[in-house]
Amino acid sequence: MTKLTYYTATTLDGFIADPDDSLAWLLRQPLDEKGALNYDDFIAGIGAIVMGSTTYEWVLRHDPEGWAYAMPTWVMTTRDLPEPPTQGTDVRFASGDVADVHAQMVAAAGGKDLWVVGGGELAGQFADAGLLDEVIVSIAPVTLGAGRQILPRRLDLELLQVFRNGAFVAARYKYVGALAEDRTA
């Protein structure tokens, strides 16, 4: 069965980007590219991805090849955004209910899994809709004090795995649901 994973990195204090949307703190961390919960192994099982407009714009600014993703990509936005500069990409702009986009992604993924690239608010919308299956996070030994939160929701998660990968603590969690205290209120 196709699952939806939020695969990301965060600072120890829970931010995926600083207040200026910079990832400089992340890109300077030592990482074993073949180590536990690594990107290459993860992306090999992904058939479709979704990201928010801020993440999309960051990728466009920082990808030297123009567009790194071969699979169908949905960009959730309410703004007009440029197409990737690379020919032959499959980027689809969408807005509205993430459940509709999820169904389209499952159909396009060819039996592979789905990835919420970012950001945290978008991952939270999938959680709110009951569509998020797991969170894989690499926690860096950095604190920022402010920025974009990893997942601005009150959620219960179940720890499935934890590893060290270079400077990171890498963990995989199953999404359980809204925080138990919120479900009983």
N, C-alpha and C. Protein backbone atom coordinates (compact mmCIF):
# COMPACT_ATOMS: atom_id res chain seq x y z
N MET A 1 0.84 -1.18 0.00
CA MET A 1 0.00 0.00 0.00
C MET A 1 0.89 1.25 0.00
N THR A 2 0.53 2.22 -0.79
CA THR A 2 1.29 3.46 -0.90
C THR A 2 1.21 4.25 0.41
N LYS A 3 2.37 4.69 0.90
CA LYS A 3 2.37 5.49 2.13
C LYS A 3 2.94 6.87 1.85
N LEU A 4 2.52 7.83 2.67
CA LEU A 4 2.98 9.21 2.57
C LEU A 4 3.91 9.49 3.73
N THR A 5 5.14 9.93 3.41
CA THR A 5 6.16 10.20 4.41
C THR A 5 6.61 11.65 4.34
N TYR A 6 6.73 12.25 5.49
CA TYR A 6 7.37 13.56 5.60
C TYR A 6 8.81 13.27 5.97
N TYR A 7 9.73 13.41 5.01
CA TYR A 7 11.16 13.12 5.17
C TYR A 7 11.86 14.47 5.20
N THR A 8 12.51 14.79 6.33
CA THR A 8 13.05 16.13 6.49
C THR A 8 14.22 16.13 7.47
N ALA A 9 14.78 17.29 7.66
CA ALA A 9 15.80 17.51 8.68
C ALA A 9 15.36 18.70 9.52
N THR A 10 15.81 18.70 10.76
CA THR A 10 15.42 19.76 11.68
C THR A 10 16.58 20.08 12.61
N THR A 11 16.50 21.26 13.20
CA THR A 11 17.43 21.61 14.26
C THR A 11 16.94 20.96 15.55
N LEU A 12 17.78 20.95 16.56
CA LEU A 12 17.39 20.38 17.84
C LEU A 12 16.18 21.09 18.42
N ASP A 13 16.01 22.38 18.13
CA ASP A 13 14.86 23.11 18.66
C ASP A 13 13.68 23.16 17.68
N GLY A 14 13.69 22.31 16.67
CA GLY A 14 12.49 22.08 15.87
C GLY A 14 12.24 22.98 14.69
N PHE A 15 13.30 23.48 14.05
CA PHE A 15 13.11 24.34 12.88
C PHE A 15 13.74 23.70 11.64
N ILE A 16 13.03 23.78 10.52
CA ILE A 16 13.54 23.22 9.26
C ILE A 16 14.25 24.28 8.42
N ALA A 17 14.05 25.55 8.76
CA ALA A 17 14.73 26.65 8.08
C ALA A 17 14.79 27.82 9.05
N ASP A 18 15.75 28.70 8.86
CA ASP A 18 15.83 29.87 9.73
C ASP A 18 14.78 30.91 9.28
N PRO A 19 14.67 32.03 9.97
CA PRO A 19 13.65 33.02 9.62
C PRO A 19 13.76 33.56 8.20
N ASP A 20 14.94 33.44 7.57
CA ASP A 20 15.13 33.88 6.19
C ASP A 20 15.03 32.72 5.20
N ASP A 21 14.50 31.59 5.64
CA ASP A 21 14.37 30.37 4.83
C ASP A 21 15.71 29.80 4.39
N SER A 22 16.77 30.07 5.15
CA SER A 22 18.09 29.53 4.84
C SER A 22 18.25 28.14 5.45
N LEU A 23 18.97 27.29 4.72
CA LEU A 23 19.33 25.96 5.21
C LEU A 23 20.83 25.83 5.42
N ALA A 24 21.52 26.96 5.54
CA ALA A 24 22.98 26.93 5.72
C ALA A 24 23.36 26.06 6.91
N TRP A 25 22.59 26.10 7.98
CA TRP A 25 22.85 25.30 9.18
C TRP A 25 22.85 23.81 8.86
N LEU A 26 22.02 23.40 7.91
CA LEU A 26 21.88 21.99 7.54
C LEU A 26 22.99 21.55 6.61
N LEU A 27 23.30 22.36 5.64
CA LEU A 27 24.22 21.97 4.58
C LEU A 27 25.67 21.85 5.03
N ARG A 28 26.00 22.33 6.21
CA ARG A 28 27.37 22.23 6.70
C ARG A 28 27.58 21.06 7.67
N GLN A 29 26.54 20.25 7.90
CA GLN A 29 26.62 19.15 8.85
C GLN A 29 27.22 17.91 8.21
N PRO A 30 28.14 17.22 8.92
CA PRO A 30 28.68 15.96 8.39
C PRO A 30 27.59 14.87 8.36
N LEU A 31 27.55 14.14 7.24
CA LEU A 31 26.52 13.13 7.03
C LEU A 31 27.12 11.99 6.21
N ASP A 32 26.79 10.78 6.59
CA ASP A 32 27.18 9.60 5.80
C ASP A 32 26.09 9.38 4.76
N GLU A 33 26.38 9.68 3.50
CA GLU A 33 25.38 9.60 2.45
C GLU A 33 24.87 8.18 2.20
N LYS A 34 25.55 7.19 2.72
CA LYS A 34 25.09 5.80 2.62
C LYS A 34 24.64 5.27 3.99
N GLY A 35 24.60 6.13 4.98
CA GLY A 35 24.24 5.73 6.34
C GLY A 35 22.75 5.55 6.54
N ALA A 36 22.40 5.36 7.78
CA ALA A 36 21.01 5.08 8.17
C ALA A 36 20.05 6.14 7.68
N LEU A 37 18.91 5.70 7.17
CA LEU A 37 17.82 6.56 6.69
C LEU A 37 18.30 7.59 5.68
N ASN A 38 19.23 7.17 4.80
CA ASN A 38 19.83 8.10 3.84
C ASN A 38 18.87 8.43 2.69
N TYR A 39 19.16 9.54 2.05
CA TYR A 39 18.33 10.08 0.98
C TYR A 39 18.23 9.13 -0.22
N ASP A 40 19.36 8.58 -0.67
CA ASP A 40 19.34 7.74 -1.87
C ASP A 40 18.44 6.53 -1.70
N ASP A 41 18.53 5.85 -0.57
CA ASP A 41 17.65 4.70 -0.33
C ASP A 41 16.20 5.13 -0.23
N PHE A 42 15.95 6.27 0.43
CA PHE A 42 14.59 6.77 0.57
C PHE A 42 13.98 7.12 -0.79
N ILE A 43 14.67 7.93 -1.57
CA ILE A 43 14.11 8.44 -2.83
C ILE A 43 13.88 7.31 -3.84
N ALA A 44 14.63 6.22 -3.73
CA ALA A 44 14.46 5.09 -4.65
C ALA A 44 13.05 4.49 -4.56
N GLY A 45 12.40 4.65 -3.42
CA GLY A 45 11.05 4.10 -3.25
C GLY A 45 9.94 5.11 -3.45
N ILE A 46 10.27 6.31 -3.93
CA ILE A 46 9.28 7.37 -4.05
C ILE A 46 8.79 7.49 -5.49
N GLY A 47 7.47 7.56 -5.67
CA GLY A 47 6.87 7.68 -6.99
C GLY A 47 6.28 9.03 -7.30
N ALA A 48 6.01 9.84 -6.27
CA ALA A 48 5.47 11.19 -6.47
C ALA A 48 5.78 12.01 -5.22
N ILE A 49 5.94 13.33 -5.44
CA ILE A 49 6.26 14.21 -4.32
C ILE A 49 5.35 15.42 -4.30
N VAL A 50 5.29 16.05 -3.13
CA VAL A 50 4.52 17.28 -2.97
C VAL A 50 5.33 18.22 -2.10
N MET A 51 5.24 19.51 -2.43
CA MET A 51 5.93 20.53 -1.64
C MET A 51 5.13 21.81 -1.66
N GLY A 52 5.41 22.67 -0.69
CA GLY A 52 4.80 23.98 -0.66
C GLY A 52 5.56 24.94 -1.56
N SER A 53 5.01 26.12 -1.75
CA SER A 53 5.61 27.09 -2.68
C SER A 53 6.95 27.62 -2.18
N THR A 54 7.11 27.79 -0.87
CA THR A 54 8.40 28.27 -0.35
C THR A 54 9.49 27.24 -0.59
N THR A 55 9.19 25.98 -0.37
CA THR A 55 10.16 24.91 -0.65
C THR A 55 10.47 24.86 -2.14
N TYR A 56 9.47 24.95 -2.97
CA TYR A 56 9.66 24.94 -4.42
C TYR A 56 10.59 26.07 -4.86
N GLU A 57 10.35 27.26 -4.37
CA GLU A 57 11.19 28.40 -4.74
C GLU A 57 12.62 28.20 -4.25
N TRP A 58 12.80 27.61 -3.06
CA TRP A 58 14.14 27.34 -2.55
C TRP A 58 14.85 26.34 -3.47
N VAL A 59 14.15 25.28 -3.86
CA VAL A 59 14.75 24.27 -4.76
C VAL A 59 15.17 24.93 -6.08
N LEU A 60 14.32 25.76 -6.65
CA LEU A 60 14.66 26.42 -7.91
C LEU A 60 15.91 27.29 -7.77
N ARG A 61 16.04 27.98 -6.64
CA ARG A 61 17.20 28.86 -6.42
C ARG A 61 18.49 28.09 -6.17
N HIS A 62 18.40 26.89 -5.60
CA HIS A 62 19.60 26.20 -5.11
C HIS A 62 19.97 24.93 -5.87
N ASP A 63 19.22 24.55 -6.87
CA ASP A 63 19.52 23.33 -7.61
C ASP A 63 20.35 23.67 -8.85
N PRO A 64 21.63 23.30 -8.86
CA PRO A 64 22.50 23.66 -9.99
C PRO A 64 22.08 23.02 -11.32
N GLU A 65 21.38 21.89 -11.27
CA GLU A 65 20.93 21.24 -12.51
C GLU A 65 19.59 21.76 -12.98
N GLY A 66 18.93 22.55 -12.19
CA GLY A 66 17.65 23.11 -12.60
C GLY A 66 16.45 22.42 -11.99
N TRP A 67 16.46 21.10 -11.90
CA TRP A 67 15.37 20.36 -11.26
C TRP A 67 15.84 18.94 -11.00
N ALA A 68 15.84 18.52 -9.75
CA ALA A 68 16.44 17.25 -9.36
C ALA A 68 15.48 16.07 -9.36
N TYR A 69 14.20 16.32 -9.52
CA TYR A 69 13.22 15.26 -9.31
C TYR A 69 12.68 14.71 -10.63
N ALA A 70 12.78 13.40 -10.80
CA ALA A 70 12.30 12.76 -12.03
C ALA A 70 10.83 12.38 -11.93
N MET A 71 10.30 12.28 -10.72
CA MET A 71 8.93 11.83 -10.53
C MET A 71 7.95 13.01 -10.57
N PRO A 72 6.66 12.72 -10.78
CA PRO A 72 5.66 13.78 -10.76
C PRO A 72 5.71 14.55 -9.44
N THR A 73 5.61 15.88 -9.56
CA THR A 73 5.71 16.76 -8.41
C THR A 73 4.51 17.69 -8.36
N TRP A 74 3.89 17.76 -7.18
CA TRP A 74 2.83 18.72 -6.95
C TRP A 74 3.38 19.84 -6.10
N VAL A 75 3.07 21.07 -6.47
CA VAL A 75 3.44 22.24 -5.69
C VAL A 75 2.16 22.90 -5.23
N MET A 76 1.97 22.93 -3.92
CA MET A 76 0.77 23.55 -3.35
C MET A 76 1.02 25.05 -3.24
N THR A 77 0.19 25.83 -3.93
CA THR A 77 0.39 27.27 -3.96
C THR A 77 -0.90 27.99 -4.31
N THR A 78 -0.98 29.22 -3.90
CA THR A 78 -2.08 30.10 -4.33
C THR A 78 -1.52 31.20 -5.22
N ARG A 79 -0.24 31.10 -5.55
CA ARG A 79 0.43 32.13 -6.37
C ARG A 79 0.82 31.55 -7.72
N ASP A 80 1.06 32.44 -8.68
CA ASP A 80 1.63 32.03 -9.96
C ASP A 80 3.13 31.86 -9.77
N LEU A 81 3.64 30.69 -10.10
CA LEU A 81 5.07 30.39 -9.94
C LEU A 81 5.66 29.98 -11.27
N PRO A 82 6.96 30.19 -11.46
CA PRO A 82 7.59 29.79 -12.72
C PRO A 82 7.74 28.27 -12.81
N GLU A 83 7.75 27.79 -14.04
CA GLU A 83 8.04 26.38 -14.29
C GLU A 83 9.53 26.14 -14.03
N PRO A 84 9.92 24.91 -13.71
CA PRO A 84 11.36 24.62 -13.59
C PRO A 84 12.06 24.87 -14.93
N PRO A 85 13.34 25.25 -14.89
CA PRO A 85 14.05 25.53 -16.14
C PRO A 85 14.39 24.29 -16.95
N THR A 86 14.32 23.12 -16.36
CA THR A 86 14.67 21.88 -17.03
C THR A 86 13.49 21.38 -17.86
N GLN A 87 13.74 21.02 -19.11
CA GLN A 87 12.70 20.49 -20.00
C GLN A 87 12.28 19.10 -19.54
N GLY A 88 11.03 18.75 -19.78
CA GLY A 88 10.55 17.41 -19.52
C GLY A 88 10.20 17.12 -18.07
N THR A 89 10.13 18.14 -17.24
CA THR A 89 9.75 17.91 -15.85
C THR A 89 8.24 17.78 -15.74
N ASP A 90 7.79 17.10 -14.73
CA ASP A 90 6.36 16.92 -14.49
C ASP A 90 6.01 17.63 -13.18
N VAL A 91 5.81 18.94 -13.26
CA VAL A 91 5.46 19.75 -12.10
C VAL A 91 4.04 20.24 -12.29
N ARG A 92 3.22 20.00 -11.26
CA ARG A 92 1.81 20.37 -11.32
C ARG A 92 1.52 21.31 -10.15
N PHE A 93 0.96 22.46 -10.45
CA PHE A 93 0.62 23.44 -9.41
C PHE A 93 -0.81 23.19 -8.97
N ALA A 94 -1.03 23.19 -7.66
CA ALA A 94 -2.35 22.89 -7.11
C ALA A 94 -2.63 23.78 -5.91
N SER A 95 -3.90 23.88 -5.59
CA SER A 95 -4.31 24.57 -4.36
C SER A 95 -5.54 23.86 -3.84
N GLY A 96 -5.91 24.18 -2.63
CA GLY A 96 -7.12 23.59 -2.08
C GLY A 96 -6.83 22.39 -1.19
N ASP A 97 -7.75 21.45 -1.21
CA ASP A 97 -7.75 20.30 -0.33
C ASP A 97 -6.62 19.32 -0.67
N VAL A 98 -5.79 19.02 0.32
CA VAL A 98 -4.68 18.09 0.08
C VAL A 98 -5.17 16.67 -0.20
N ALA A 99 -6.37 16.32 0.21
CA ALA A 99 -6.90 14.98 -0.06
C ALA A 99 -7.05 14.76 -1.56
N ASP A 100 -7.46 15.78 -2.29
CA ASP A 100 -7.58 15.66 -3.75
C ASP A 100 -6.21 15.43 -4.38
N VAL A 101 -5.22 16.19 -3.92
CA VAL A 101 -3.85 16.04 -4.43
C VAL A 101 -3.30 14.67 -4.06
N HIS A 102 -3.56 14.22 -2.86
CA HIS A 102 -3.10 12.90 -2.43
C HIS A 102 -3.60 11.81 -3.37
N ALA A 103 -4.87 11.85 -3.71
CA ALA A 103 -5.44 10.84 -4.62
C ALA A 103 -4.74 10.88 -5.98
N GLN A 104 -4.47 12.08 -6.48
CA GLN A 104 -3.77 12.21 -7.76
C GLN A 104 -2.34 11.66 -7.66
N MET A 105 -1.68 11.92 -6.53
CA MET A 105 -0.32 11.45 -6.33
C MET A 105 -0.27 9.92 -6.29
N VAL A 106 -1.21 9.31 -5.57
CA VAL A 106 -1.25 7.85 -5.49
C VAL A 106 -1.41 7.27 -6.89
N ALA A 107 -2.30 7.85 -7.68
CA ALA A 107 -2.52 7.36 -9.04
C ALA A 107 -1.26 7.48 -9.90
N ALA A 108 -0.50 8.56 -9.70
CA ALA A 108 0.70 8.80 -10.52
C ALA A 108 1.93 8.04 -10.03
N ALA A 109 1.92 7.58 -8.78
CA ALA A 109 3.12 7.00 -8.17
C ALA A 109 3.43 5.59 -8.63
N GLY A 110 2.53 4.95 -9.34
CA GLY A 110 2.80 3.61 -9.86
C GLY A 110 3.12 2.58 -8.78
N GLY A 111 2.43 2.66 -7.65
CA GLY A 111 2.64 1.71 -6.57
C GLY A 111 3.76 2.07 -5.62
N LYS A 112 4.52 3.11 -5.94
CA LYS A 112 5.58 3.57 -5.04
C LYS A 112 5.00 4.51 -3.99
N ASP A 113 5.84 4.92 -3.07
CA ASP A 113 5.42 5.79 -1.97
C ASP A 113 5.45 7.26 -2.35
N LEU A 114 4.91 8.08 -1.45
CA LEU A 114 4.80 9.52 -1.64
C LEU A 114 5.64 10.26 -0.61
N TRP A 115 6.14 11.42 -1.00
CA TRP A 115 7.01 12.22 -0.11
C TRP A 115 6.50 13.65 0.00
N VAL A 116 6.26 14.09 1.23
CA VAL A 116 6.06 15.51 1.51
C VAL A 116 7.46 16.08 1.70
N VAL A 117 7.94 16.86 0.71
CA VAL A 117 9.28 17.42 0.76
C VAL A 117 9.35 18.53 1.81
N GLY A 118 8.35 19.34 1.86
CA GLY A 118 8.28 20.45 2.81
C GLY A 118 7.21 21.40 2.37
N GLY A 119 6.83 22.21 3.22
CA GLY A 119 7.28 22.44 4.57
C GLY A 119 6.38 21.80 5.61
N GLY A 120 6.65 22.24 6.84
CA GLY A 120 5.97 21.68 7.98
C GLY A 120 4.47 21.92 7.98
N GLU A 121 4.05 23.09 7.55
CA GLU A 121 2.61 23.38 7.50
C GLU A 121 1.91 22.46 6.51
N LEU A 122 2.54 22.20 5.37
CA LEU A 122 1.95 21.29 4.39
C LEU A 122 1.87 19.88 4.95
N ALA A 123 2.92 19.41 5.59
CA ALA A 123 2.89 18.08 6.22
C ALA A 123 1.75 18.04 7.25
N GLY A 124 1.58 19.14 7.98
CA GLY A 124 0.50 19.23 8.95
C GLY A 124 -0.88 19.13 8.31
N GLN A 125 -1.05 19.69 7.13
CA GLN A 125 -2.34 19.58 6.44
C GLN A 125 -2.64 18.14 6.06
N PHE A 126 -1.62 17.41 5.63
CA PHE A 126 -1.82 15.98 5.34
C PHE A 126 -2.14 15.21 6.62
N ALA A 127 -1.49 15.56 7.73
CA ALA A 127 -1.81 14.92 9.01
C ALA A 127 -3.25 15.22 9.40
N ASP A 128 -3.66 16.49 9.27
CA ASP A 128 -5.03 16.88 9.60
C ASP A 128 -6.05 16.06 8.81
N ALA A 129 -5.71 15.73 7.57
CA ALA A 129 -6.61 14.97 6.70
C ALA A 129 -6.51 13.46 6.94
N GLY A 130 -5.63 13.03 7.88
CA GLY A 130 -5.45 11.61 8.16
C GLY A 130 -4.68 10.87 7.08
N LEU A 131 -3.88 11.59 6.30
CA LEU A 131 -3.17 10.98 5.17
C LEU A 131 -1.68 10.79 5.40
N LEU A 132 -1.14 11.35 6.45
CA LEU A 132 0.29 11.20 6.75
C LEU A 132 0.51 9.85 7.42
N ASP A 133 1.46 9.08 6.91
CA ASP A 133 1.75 7.76 7.47
C ASP A 133 2.96 7.77 8.39
N GLU A 134 4.02 8.47 7.98
CA GLU A 134 5.21 8.48 8.82
C GLU A 134 6.01 9.76 8.64
N VAL A 135 6.88 9.97 9.62
CA VAL A 135 7.80 11.10 9.62
C VAL A 135 9.20 10.51 9.78
N ILE A 136 10.09 10.85 8.85
CA ILE A 136 11.50 10.48 8.98
C ILE A 136 12.25 11.79 9.12
N VAL A 137 12.99 11.93 10.20
CA VAL A 137 13.63 13.20 10.49
C VAL A 137 15.08 12.98 10.92
N SER A 138 15.95 13.84 10.39
CA SER A 138 17.34 13.89 10.83
C SER A 138 17.50 15.15 11.67
N ILE A 139 17.93 14.96 12.91
CA ILE A 139 18.01 16.07 13.86
C ILE A 139 19.47 16.51 13.96
N ALA A 140 19.71 17.78 13.61
CA ALA A 140 21.06 18.33 13.59
C ALA A 140 21.41 18.95 14.95
N PRO A 141 22.70 18.95 15.31
CA PRO A 141 23.14 19.52 16.58
C PRO A 141 23.28 21.04 16.48
N VAL A 142 22.15 21.69 16.19
CA VAL A 142 22.10 23.13 15.99
C VAL A 142 20.80 23.63 16.59
N THR A 143 20.81 24.82 17.16
CA THR A 143 19.56 25.49 17.54
C THR A 143 19.52 26.85 16.85
N LEU A 144 18.33 27.24 16.42
CA LEU A 144 18.15 28.51 15.72
C LEU A 144 17.35 29.53 16.53
N GLY A 145 16.51 29.06 17.42
CA GLY A 145 15.70 29.96 18.23
C GLY A 145 14.46 30.48 17.53
N ALA A 146 14.42 30.43 16.21
CA ALA A 146 13.27 30.89 15.44
C ALA A 146 13.40 30.37 14.02
N GLY A 147 12.30 30.39 13.30
CA GLY A 147 12.32 29.96 11.90
C GLY A 147 11.06 29.22 11.54
N ARG A 148 11.18 28.34 10.55
CA ARG A 148 10.05 27.53 10.08
C ARG A 148 9.99 26.24 10.91
N GLN A 149 8.88 26.03 11.58
CA GLN A 149 8.74 24.84 12.43
C GLN A 149 8.67 23.56 11.61
N ILE A 150 9.19 22.50 12.19
CA ILE A 150 9.18 21.21 11.52
C ILE A 150 7.76 20.72 11.26
N LEU A 151 6.88 20.87 12.22
CA LEU A 151 5.51 20.37 12.09
C LEU A 151 4.63 21.13 13.09
N PRO A 152 4.06 22.24 12.67
CA PRO A 152 3.30 23.08 13.60
C PRO A 152 1.92 22.51 13.92
N ARG A 153 1.91 21.36 14.55
CA ARG A 153 0.69 20.67 14.96
C ARG A 153 0.95 19.98 16.28
N ARG A 154 -0.13 19.63 16.96
CA ARG A 154 -0.06 18.82 18.18
C ARG A 154 -0.40 17.39 17.78
N LEU A 155 0.65 16.57 17.65
CA LEU A 155 0.48 15.21 17.13
C LEU A 155 1.13 14.19 18.04
N ASP A 156 0.57 13.00 18.01
CA ASP A 156 1.22 11.85 18.63
C ASP A 156 1.90 11.03 17.54
N LEU A 157 3.14 10.65 17.81
CA LEU A 157 3.93 9.82 16.90
C LEU A 157 4.47 8.63 17.68
N GLU A 158 4.70 7.55 17.00
CA GLU A 158 5.29 6.35 17.62
C GLU A 158 6.68 6.14 17.03
N LEU A 159 7.69 6.12 17.89
CA LEU A 159 9.06 5.92 17.44
C LEU A 159 9.23 4.49 16.94
N LEU A 160 9.68 4.34 15.69
CA LEU A 160 9.91 3.03 15.09
C LEU A 160 11.38 2.67 15.02
N GLN A 161 12.23 3.66 14.69
CA GLN A 161 13.68 3.43 14.57
C GLN A 161 14.43 4.69 14.95
N VAL A 162 15.65 4.49 15.45
CA VAL A 162 16.53 5.62 15.71
C VAL A 162 17.97 5.18 15.44
N PHE A 163 18.71 6.06 14.76
CA PHE A 163 20.09 5.77 14.38
C PHE A 163 20.92 7.04 14.51
N ARG A 164 22.23 6.86 14.46
CA ARG A 164 23.14 8.00 14.30
C ARG A 164 23.63 7.97 12.85
N ASN A 165 23.64 9.13 12.22
CA ASN A 165 24.20 9.27 10.88
C ASN A 165 25.02 10.55 10.86
N GLY A 166 26.33 10.40 10.92
CA GLY A 166 27.20 11.57 10.99
C GLY A 166 26.87 12.39 12.22
N ALA A 167 26.61 13.67 12.03
CA ALA A 167 26.28 14.56 13.14
C ALA A 167 24.81 14.46 13.55
N PHE A 168 24.02 13.70 12.81
CA PHE A 168 22.57 13.67 13.01
C PHE A 168 22.09 12.48 13.85
N VAL A 169 21.01 12.70 14.55
CA VAL A 169 20.18 11.62 15.07
C VAL A 169 19.09 11.44 14.03
N ALA A 170 18.99 10.25 13.46
CA ALA A 170 18.00 9.97 12.43
C ALA A 170 16.92 9.07 13.03
N ALA A 171 15.66 9.48 12.88
CA ALA A 171 14.56 8.73 13.50
C ALA A 171 13.41 8.57 12.52
N ARG A 172 12.74 7.45 12.65
CA ARG A 172 11.53 7.18 11.86
C ARG A 172 10.37 6.98 12.81
N TYR A 173 9.28 7.70 12.55
CA TYR A 173 8.09 7.67 13.40
C TYR A 173 6.86 7.29 12.59
N LYS A 174 5.96 6.57 13.22
CA LYS A 174 4.63 6.33 12.65
C LYS A 174 3.72 7.45 13.15
N TYR A 175 2.93 8.02 12.25
CA TYR A 175 1.94 9.02 12.64
C TYR A 175 0.78 8.30 13.30
N VAL A 176 0.45 8.69 14.53
CA VAL A 176 -0.63 8.07 15.28
C VAL A 176 -1.92 8.87 15.15
N GLY A 177 -1.83 10.18 15.27
CA GLY A 177 -3.00 11.03 15.16
C GLY A 177 -2.81 12.31 15.94
N ALA A 178 -3.87 13.05 16.07
CA ALA A 178 -3.83 14.27 16.88
C ALA A 178 -3.39 13.89 18.30
N LEU A 179 -2.81 14.83 19.00
CA LEU A 179 -2.38 14.60 20.37
C LEU A 179 -3.54 14.02 21.18
N ALA A 180 -3.29 12.98 21.95
CA ALA A 180 -4.35 12.27 22.69
C ALA A 180 -5.19 13.23 23.53
N GLU A 181 -4.55 14.21 24.13
CA GLU A 181 -5.29 15.16 24.95
C GLU A 181 -6.28 15.97 24.13
N ASP A 182 -5.96 16.20 22.87
CA ASP A 182 -6.85 16.96 22.00
C ASP A 182 -8.00 16.09 21.47
N ARG A 183 -7.75 14.79 21.35
CA ARG A 183 -8.79 13.88 20.85
C ARG A 183 -9.89 13.67 21.88
N THR A 184 -9.56 13.78 23.15
CA THR A 184 -10.56 13.53 24.21
C THR A 184 -11.27 14.80 24.64
N ALA A 185 -10.81 15.94 24.15
CA ALA A 185 -11.44 17.22 24.56
C ALA A 185 -12.75 17.44 23.87
